[in-house]
Amino acid sequence: TVGWFAGYYLTKRTEYIHAKLDRELLEYVRHHPEDFNKAERRRIGELLEDFQPVR
């Protein structure tokens, strides 16, 4: 049971650290929109190549 509690604690801690980093990153992006240009939206047909079956 000690291993279970240690694993639970470590899992919660890593989730907290990642959530904190995500929050800081998104906050930075929100305050500095000029540094992050939105990519132009492309349709899926423009991204994929034409399918050529090989027989």
PDB file of N, CA and C in Angstrom:
ATOM      1  N   THR A   1       0.811  -1.206   0.000  1.00  0.00           N
ATOM      2  CA  THR A   1       0.000   0.000   0.000  1.00  0.00           C
ATOM      3  C   THR A   1       0.854   1.270   0.000  1.00  0.00           C
ATOM      4  N   VAL A   2       2.072   1.151   0.522  1.00  0.00           N
ATOM      5  CA  VAL A   2       2.959   2.311   0.522  1.00  0.00           C
ATOM      6  C   VAL A   2       3.294   2.700  -0.919  1.00  0.00           C
ATOM      7  N   GLY A   3       3.531   1.704  -1.759  1.00  0.00           N
ATOM      8  CA  GLY A   3       3.826   1.976  -3.162  1.00  0.00           C
ATOM      9  C   GLY A   3       2.652   2.630  -3.865  1.00  0.00           C
ATOM     10  N   TRP A   4       1.452   2.212  -3.525  1.00  0.00           N
ATOM     11  CA  TRP A   4       0.268   2.805  -4.141  1.00  0.00           C
ATOM     12  C   TRP A   4       0.160   4.281  -3.772  1.00  0.00           C
ATOM     13  N   PHE A   5       0.362   4.600  -2.498  1.00  0.00           N
ATOM     14  CA  PHE A   5       0.280   5.994  -2.064  1.00  0.00           C
ATOM     15  C   PHE A   5       1.391   6.840  -2.671  1.00  0.00           C
ATOM     16  N   ALA A   6       2.582   6.276  -2.787  1.00  0.00           N
ATOM     17  CA  ALA A   6       3.689   7.011  -3.403  1.00  0.00           C
ATOM     18  C   ALA A   6       3.390   7.267  -4.879  1.00  0.00           C
ATOM     19  N   GLY A   7       2.887   6.256  -5.576  1.00  0.00           N
ATOM     20  CA  GLY A   7       2.537   6.432  -6.980  1.00  0.00           C
ATOM     21  C   GLY A   7       1.424   7.439  -7.164  1.00  0.00           C
ATOM     22  N   TYR A   8       0.433   7.388  -6.292  1.00  0.00           N
ATOM     23  CA  TYR A   8      -0.676   8.337  -6.355  1.00  0.00           C
ATOM     24  C   TYR A   8      -0.168   9.761  -6.162  1.00  0.00           C
ATOM     25  N   TYR A   9       0.683   9.956  -5.162  1.00  0.00           N
ATOM     26  CA  TYR A   9       1.230  11.282  -4.889  1.00  0.00           C
ATOM     27  C   TYR A   9       2.061  11.780  -6.069  1.00  0.00           C
ATOM     28  N   LEU A  10       2.917  10.927  -6.610  1.00  0.00           N
ATOM     29  CA  LEU A  10       3.758  11.336  -7.734  1.00  0.00           C
ATOM     30  C   LEU A  10       2.922  11.664  -8.969  1.00  0.00           C
ATOM     31  N   THR A  11       1.878  10.899  -9.201  1.00  0.00           N
ATOM     32  CA  THR A  11       0.989  11.175 -10.333  1.00  0.00           C
ATOM     33  C   THR A  11       0.301  12.527 -10.167  1.00  0.00           C
ATOM     34  N   LYS A  12      -0.222  12.785  -8.986  1.00  0.00           N
ATOM     35  CA  LYS A  12      -0.888  14.064  -8.733  1.00  0.00           C
ATOM     36  C   LYS A  12       0.094  15.224  -8.852  1.00  0.00           C
ATOM     37  N   ARG A  13       1.314  15.033  -8.378  1.00  0.00           N
ATOM     38  CA  ARG A  13       2.321  16.104  -8.450  1.00  0.00           C
ATOM     39  C   ARG A  13       2.698  16.407  -9.899  1.00  0.00           C
ATOM     40  N   THR A  14       2.902  15.369 -10.713  1.00  0.00           N
ATOM     41  CA  THR A  14       3.258  15.616 -12.109  1.00  0.00           C
ATOM     42  C   THR A  14       2.097  16.275 -12.854  1.00  0.00           C
ATOM     43  N   GLU A  15       0.859  15.874 -12.566  1.00  0.00           N
ATOM     44  CA  GLU A  15      -0.293  16.518 -13.198  1.00  0.00           C
ATOM     45  C   GLU A  15      -0.369  17.990 -12.813  1.00  0.00           C
ATOM     46  N   TYR A  16      -0.077  18.295 -11.549  1.00  0.00           N
ATOM     47  CA  TYR A  16      -0.096  19.679 -11.078  1.00  0.00           C
ATOM     48  C   TYR A  16       0.986  20.498 -11.774  1.00  0.00           C
ATOM     49  N   ILE A  17       2.181  19.950 -11.880  1.00  0.00           N
ATOM     50  CA  ILE A  17       3.289  20.665 -12.516  1.00  0.00           C
ATOM     51  C   ILE A  17       2.977  20.931 -13.986  1.00  0.00           C
ATOM     52  N   HIS A  18       2.443  19.932 -14.687  1.00  0.00           N
ATOM     53  CA  HIS A  18       2.109  20.124 -16.099  1.00  0.00           C
ATOM     54  C   HIS A  18       0.972  21.134 -16.270  1.00  0.00           C
ATOM     55  N   ALA A  19      -0.019  21.103 -15.395  1.00  0.00           N
ATOM     56  CA  ALA A  19      -1.118  22.065 -15.474  1.00  0.00           C
ATOM     57  C   ALA A  19      -0.606  23.480 -15.219  1.00  0.00           C
ATOM     58  N   LYS A  20       0.315  23.615 -14.291  1.00  0.00           N
ATOM     59  CA  LYS A  20       0.891  24.925 -13.989  1.00  0.00           C
ATOM     60  C   LYS A  20       1.682  25.461 -15.186  1.00  0.00           C
ATOM     61  N   LEU A  21       2.473  24.604 -15.820  1.00  0.00           N
ATOM     62  CA  LEU A  21       3.228  25.016 -17.002  1.00  0.00           C
ATOM     63  C   LEU A  21       2.296  25.404 -18.147  1.00  0.00           C
ATOM     64  N   ASP A  22       1.246  24.625 -18.349  1.00  0.00           N
ATOM     65  CA  ASP A  22       0.270  24.942 -19.398  1.00  0.00           C
ATOM     66  C   ASP A  22      -0.384  26.297 -19.145  1.00  0.00           C
ATOM     67  N   ARG A  23      -0.743  26.546 -17.890  1.00  0.00           N
ATOM     68  CA  ARG A  23      -1.382  27.812 -17.548  1.00  0.00           C
ATOM     69  C   ARG A  23      -0.441  28.982 -17.815  1.00  0.00           C
ATOM     70  N   GLU A  24       0.827  28.844 -17.420  1.00  0.00           N
ATOM     71  CA  GLU A  24       1.795  29.920 -17.640  1.00  0.00           C
ATOM     72  C   GLU A  24       2.030  30.156 -19.130  1.00  0.00           C
ATOM     73  N   LEU A  25       2.124  29.081 -19.899  1.00  0.00           N
ATOM     74  CA  LEU A  25       2.351  29.214 -21.335  1.00  0.00           C
ATOM     75  C   LEU A  25       1.165  29.882 -22.023  1.00  0.00           C
ATOM     76  N   LEU A  26      -0.045  29.441 -21.713  1.00  0.00           N
ATOM     77  CA  LEU A  26      -1.232  30.032 -22.333  1.00  0.00           C
ATOM     78  C   LEU A  26      -1.417  31.490 -21.921  1.00  0.00           C
ATOM     79  N   GLU A  27      -1.050  31.807 -20.685  1.00  0.00           N
ATOM     80  CA  GLU A  27      -1.136  33.192 -20.227  1.00  0.00           C
ATOM     81  C   GLU A  27      -0.138  34.069 -20.982  1.00  0.00           C
ATOM     82  N   TYR A  28       1.057  33.556 -21.226  1.00  0.00           N
ATOM     83  CA  TYR A  28       2.057  34.301 -21.990  1.00  0.00           C
ATOM     84  C   TYR A  28       1.576  34.534 -23.421  1.00  0.00           C
ATOM     85  N   VAL A  29       1.018  33.502 -24.029  1.00  0.00           N
ATOM     86  CA  VAL A  29       0.510  33.630 -25.399  1.00  0.00           C
ATOM     87  C   VAL A  29      -0.627  34.647 -25.439  1.00  0.00           C
ATOM     88  N   ARG A  30      -1.463  34.649 -24.419  1.00  0.00           N
ATOM     89  CA  ARG A  30      -2.587  35.584 -24.379  1.00  0.00           C
ATOM     90  C   ARG A  30      -2.109  37.033 -24.241  1.00  0.00           C
ATOM     91  N   HIS A  31      -1.030  37.250 -23.501  1.00  0.00           N
ATOM     92  CA  HIS A  31      -0.521  38.606 -23.300  1.00  0.00           C
ATOM     93  C   HIS A  31       0.389  39.084 -24.429  1.00  0.00           C
ATOM     94  N   HIS A  32       0.895  38.177 -25.260  1.00  0.00           N
ATOM     95  CA  HIS A  32       1.790  38.543 -26.359  1.00  0.00           C
ATOM     96  C   HIS A  32       1.298  37.941 -27.677  1.00  0.00           C
ATOM     97  N   PRO A  33       0.132  38.338 -28.157  1.00  0.00           N
ATOM     98  CA  PRO A  33      -0.401  37.731 -29.387  1.00  0.00           C
ATOM     99  C   PRO A  33       0.408  38.088 -30.629  1.00  0.00           C
ATOM    100  N   GLU A  34       1.160  39.183 -30.592  1.00  0.00           N
ATOM    101  CA  GLU A  34       1.934  39.571 -31.776  1.00  0.00           C
ATOM    102  C   GLU A  34       3.068  38.588 -32.056  1.00  0.00           C
ATOM    103  N   ASP A  35       3.514  37.856 -31.052  1.00  0.00           N
ATOM    104  CA  ASP A  35       4.591  36.876 -31.236  1.00  0.00           C
ATOM    105  C   ASP A  35       4.088  35.546 -31.791  1.00  0.00           C
ATOM    106  N   PHE A  36       2.777  35.327 -31.766  1.00  0.00           N
ATOM    107  CA  PHE A  36       2.212  34.041 -32.168  1.00  0.00           C
ATOM    108  C   PHE A  36       1.134  34.278 -33.220  1.00  0.00           C
ATOM    109  N   ASN A  37       1.536  34.222 -34.474  1.00  0.00           N
ATOM    110  CA  ASN A  37       0.586  34.419 -35.568  1.00  0.00           C
ATOM    111  C   ASN A  37      -0.266  33.172 -35.744  1.00  0.00           C
ATOM    112  N   LYS A  38      -1.519  33.405 -36.048  1.00  0.00           N
ATOM    113  CA  LYS A  38      -2.407  32.268 -36.307  1.00  0.00           C
ATOM    114  C   LYS A  38      -2.088  31.689 -37.673  1.00  0.00           C
ATOM    115  N   ALA A  39      -1.989  30.392 -37.732  1.00  0.00           N
ATOM    116  CA  ALA A  39      -1.725  29.723 -39.008  1.00  0.00           C
ATOM    117  C   ALA A  39      -2.990  29.766 -39.858  1.00  0.00           C
ATOM    118  N   GLU A  40      -2.790  29.877 -41.157  1.00  0.00           N
ATOM    119  CA  GLU A  40      -3.952  29.887 -42.036  1.00  0.00           C
ATOM    120  C   GLU A  40      -4.608  28.511 -42.009  1.00  0.00           C
ATOM    121  N   ARG A  41      -5.909  28.507 -42.040  1.00  0.00           N
ATOM    122  CA  ARG A  41      -6.642  27.248 -41.970  1.00  0.00           C
ATOM    123  C   ARG A  41      -6.706  26.628 -43.349  1.00  0.00           C
ATOM    124  N   ARG A  42      -6.342  25.352 -43.410  1.00  0.00           N
ATOM    125  CA  ARG A  42      -6.397  24.633 -44.677  1.00  0.00           C
ATOM    126  C   ARG A  42      -7.347  23.455 -44.523  1.00  0.00           C
ATOM    127  N   ARG A  43      -7.966  23.113 -45.614  1.00  0.00           N
ATOM    128  CA  ARG A  43      -8.885  21.983 -45.605  1.00  0.00           C
ATOM    129  C   ARG A  43      -8.089  20.691 -45.640  1.00  0.00           C
ATOM    130  N   ILE A  44      -8.696  19.603 -45.214  1.00  0.00           N
ATOM    131  CA  ILE A  44      -8.019  18.314 -45.169  1.00  0.00           C
ATOM    132  C   ILE A  44      -7.642  17.849 -46.569  1.00  0.00           C
ATOM    133  N   GLY A  45      -8.418  18.210 -47.572  1.00  0.00           N
ATOM    134  CA  GLY A  45      -8.106  17.840 -48.950  1.00  0.00           C
ATOM    135  C   GLY A  45      -6.831  18.499 -49.457  1.00  0.00           C
ATOM    136  N   GLU A  46      -6.500  19.659 -48.925  1.00  0.00           N
ATOM    137  CA  GLU A  46      -5.263  20.329 -49.312  1.00  0.00           C
ATOM    138  C   GLU A  46      -4.047  19.699 -48.648  1.00  0.00           C
ATOM    139  N   LEU A  47      -4.253  19.055 -47.519  1.00  0.00           N
ATOM    140  CA  LEU A  47      -3.140  18.466 -46.779  1.00  0.00           C
ATOM    141  C   LEU A  47      -2.773  17.076 -47.282  1.00  0.00           C
ATOM    142  N   LEU A  48      -3.775  16.297 -47.693  1.00  0.00           N
ATOM    143  CA  LEU A  48      -3.534  14.922 -48.108  1.00  0.00           C
ATOM    144  C   LEU A  48      -3.233  14.845 -49.598  1.00  0.00           C
ATOM    145  N   GLU A  49      -2.413  13.874 -49.955  1.00  0.00           N
ATOM    146  CA  GLU A  49      -2.126  13.643 -51.367  1.00  0.00           C
ATOM    147  C   GLU A  49      -3.244  12.798 -51.972  1.00  0.00           C
ATOM    148  N   ASP A  50      -3.349  12.831 -53.294  1.00  0.00           N
ATOM    149  CA  ASP A  50      -4.351  12.015 -53.968  1.00  0.00           C
ATOM    150  C   ASP A  50      -4.013  10.539 -53.789  1.00  0.00           C
ATOM    151  N   PHE A  51      -5.050   9.731 -53.607  1.00  0.00           N
ATOM    152  CA  PHE A  51      -4.859   8.298 -53.402  1.00  0.00           C
ATOM    153  C   PHE A  51      -4.735   7.598 -54.745  1.00  0.00           C
ATOM    154  N   GLN A  52      -3.648   6.879 -54.947  1.00  0.00           N
ATOM    155  CA  GLN A  52      -3.410   6.111 -56.169  1.00  0.00           C
ATOM    156  C   GLN A  52      -3.258   4.640 -55.777  1.00  0.00           C
ATOM    157  N   PRO A  53      -4.284   3.812 -55.982  1.00  0.00           N
ATOM    158  CA  PRO A  53      -4.156   2.405 -55.604  1.00  0.00           C
ATOM    159  C   PRO A  53      -3.138   1.694 -56.491  1.00  0.00           C
ATOM    160  N   VAL A  54      -2.356   0.814 -55.878  1.00  0.00           N
ATOM    161  CA  VAL A  54      -1.352   0.038 -56.607  1.00  0.00           C
ATOM    162  C   VAL A  54      -1.894  -1.373 -56.751  1.00  0.00           C
ATOM    163  N   ARG A  55      -1.988  -1.848 -58.005  1.00  0.00           N
ATOM    164  CA  ARG A  55      -2.500  -3.198 -58.237  1.00  0.00           C
ATOM    165  C   ARG A  55      -1.497  -4.021 -58.965  1.00  0.00           C
TER     166      ARG A  55
END
